[in-house]
Protein backbone atom coordinates (compact mmCIF):
# COMPACT_ATOMS: atom_id res chain seq x y z
CA UNK A 1 0.00 0.00 0.00
CA UNK A 2 1.25 3.45 -0.84
CA UNK A 3 0.09 6.88 0.18
CA UNK A 4 -0.92 9.51 -2.36
CA UNK A 5 2.48 11.14 -2.19
CA UNK A 6 4.29 7.84 -2.60
CA UNK A 7 1.98 6.85 -5.45
CA UNK A 8 2.87 10.02 -7.34
CA UNK A 9 6.58 9.40 -6.83
CA UNK A 10 6.15 5.81 -7.98
CA UNK A 11 4.30 6.87 -11.12
CA UNK A 12 6.93 9.49 -11.97
CA UNK A 13 9.69 6.93 -11.51
CA UNK A 14 7.90 4.34 -13.66
CA UNK A 15 7.36 6.86 -16.46
CA UNK A 16 10.96 8.10 -16.31
CA UNK A 17 12.57 4.66 -16.11
CA UNK A 18 10.49 1.93 -17.81
CA UNK A 19 11.02 -1.50 -16.30
CA UNK A 20 9.52 -4.97 -16.42
CA UNK A 21 9.30 -5.00 -12.61
CA UNK A 22 5.86 -4.79 -11.03
CA UNK A 23 4.78 -1.54 -9.37
CA UNK A 24 4.87 -3.31 -6.00
CA UNK A 25 8.48 -4.41 -6.54
CA UNK A 26 9.49 -0.90 -7.59
CA UNK A 27 7.70 0.61 -4.57
CA UNK A 28 9.62 -1.73 -2.27
CA UNK A 29 12.91 -0.86 -3.98
CA UNK A 30 12.22 2.86 -3.60
CA UNK A 31 11.00 2.40 0.00
CA UNK A 32 7.63 3.92 -0.85
CA UNK A 33 5.47 1.37 0.93
CA UNK A 34 3.26 3.07 3.51
CA UNK A 35 4.14 2.73 7.16
CA UNK A 36 1.51 0.82 9.07
CA UNK A 37 0.24 1.81 12.48
CA UNK A 38 1.32 -0.15 15.53
CA UNK A 39 -0.54 -3.24 16.59
CA UNK A 40 -2.66 -2.96 19.76
CA UNK A 41 0.37 -4.16 21.72
CA UNK A 42 3.26 -1.83 20.84
CA UNK A 43 5.86 -4.37 21.97
CA UNK A 44 4.75 -6.70 19.16
CA UNK A 45 6.26 -5.76 15.83
CA UNK A 46 4.03 -7.18 13.12
CA UNK A 47 5.18 -5.66 9.89
CA UNK A 48 2.92 -5.98 6.91
CA UNK A 49 3.64 -2.80 4.94
CA UNK A 50 6.42 -1.20 6.88
CA UNK A 51 7.49 -1.26 10.48
CA UNK A 52 4.81 -0.34 13.03
CA UNK A 53 7.63 0.45 15.41
CA UNK A 54 9.01 2.94 12.88
CA UNK A 55 5.72 4.84 12.80
CA UNK A 56 5.55 4.82 16.59
CA UNK A 57 9.15 6.08 16.76
CA UNK A 58 8.43 8.86 14.26
CA UNK A 59 5.45 9.98 16.35
CA UNK A 60 7.43 9.96 19.59
CA UNK A 61 10.24 11.95 17.93
CA UNK A 62 7.76 14.52 16.59
CA UNK A 63 6.20 14.94 20.04
CA UNK A 64 9.66 15.41 21.55
CA UNK A 65 10.60 17.93 18.86
CA UNK A 66 7.43 19.96 19.38
CA UNK A 67 6.80 20.01 23.15
CA UNK A 68 4.81 23.26 23.12
CA UNK A 69 2.42 21.87 20.53
CA UNK A 70 2.05 18.61 22.48
CA UNK A 71 1.23 20.62 25.61
CA UNK A 72 -1.40 22.59 23.67
CA UNK A 73 -3.02 19.32 22.56
CA UNK A 74 -3.03 18.08 26.17
CA UNK A 75 -4.82 21.30 27.14
CA UNK A 76 -7.56 20.54 24.62
CA UNK A 77 -6.45 22.35 21.44
CA UNK A 78 -6.97 19.47 19.01
CA UNK A 79 -6.13 21.56 15.93
CA UNK A 80 -2.48 21.83 16.95
CA UNK A 81 -2.08 18.08 16.42
CA UNK A 82 -2.01 18.82 12.66
CA UNK A 83 1.37 20.51 13.04
CA UNK A 84 2.75 17.40 14.75
CA UNK A 85 1.20 15.20 12.03
CA UNK A 86 2.98 17.38 9.48
CA UNK A 87 6.31 16.76 11.20
CA UNK A 88 5.72 12.99 11.09
CA UNK A 89 4.74 13.19 7.42
CA UNK A 90 7.89 15.16 6.63
CA UNK A 91 10.13 12.77 8.52
CA UNK A 92 8.50 9.73 6.90
CA UNK A 93 8.87 11.29 3.43
CA UNK A 94 5.11 10.99 2.94
CA UNK A 95 4.98 7.24 3.63
CA UNK A 96 2.85 7.54 6.76
CA UNK A 97 -0.95 7.52 6.65
CA UNK A 98 -1.93 10.91 8.09
CA UNK A 99 -5.15 9.61 9.67
CA UNK A 100 -3.33 6.79 11.45
CA UNK A 101 -0.62 9.20 12.54
CA UNK A 102 -3.21 11.59 13.99
CA UNK A 103 -4.91 8.77 15.91
CA UNK A 104 -1.59 7.48 17.24
CA UNK A 105 -0.43 10.97 18.22
CA UNK A 106 -3.66 11.61 20.12
CA UNK A 107 -3.22 8.32 21.98
CA UNK A 108 0.40 9.14 22.78
CA UNK A 109 -0.24 12.74 23.84
CA UNK A 110 -3.65 12.63 25.49
CA UNK A 111 -3.70 8.96 26.40
CA UNK A 112 -0.78 9.18 28.77
CA UNK A 113 2.18 8.64 26.49
CA UNK A 114 1.95 4.93 25.68
CA UNK A 115 0.04 3.60 22.71
C-alpha cells in the first residue's frame, strides 16, 4: 500500500525509467510502501507494509521535537495536532498515513504517552 504522495513518486519513476518490474516491486525498492500503524500491543512488531515500530518512533520523535504543541493538545487544542502530524509526514517522506498518525499521536499525547 502506498500513500498519495508515494503513489505520485512511484508513477513518476515508472514513467521516467520503464522496467519490467511490477509496481509493487518498484515501490519496495524505492522504499515507498506506507508505514503501518502499531498493533494494539506496541511491543509486538508485526510488519505488513512497513514497520509499526518505525511509525511509533516517528510519532514519539515529533512529540519530543514539538513540546509546546504537544502541551497545547493536552490542554484541549486538538487543531495543533495537525502541526505534529505534518512533522511525522515530513520525517517519513510521505509514507505515513496521516489519519493513522493523527490517531496514534492523540493516543500518545492525550492517552498518557503509551500507545
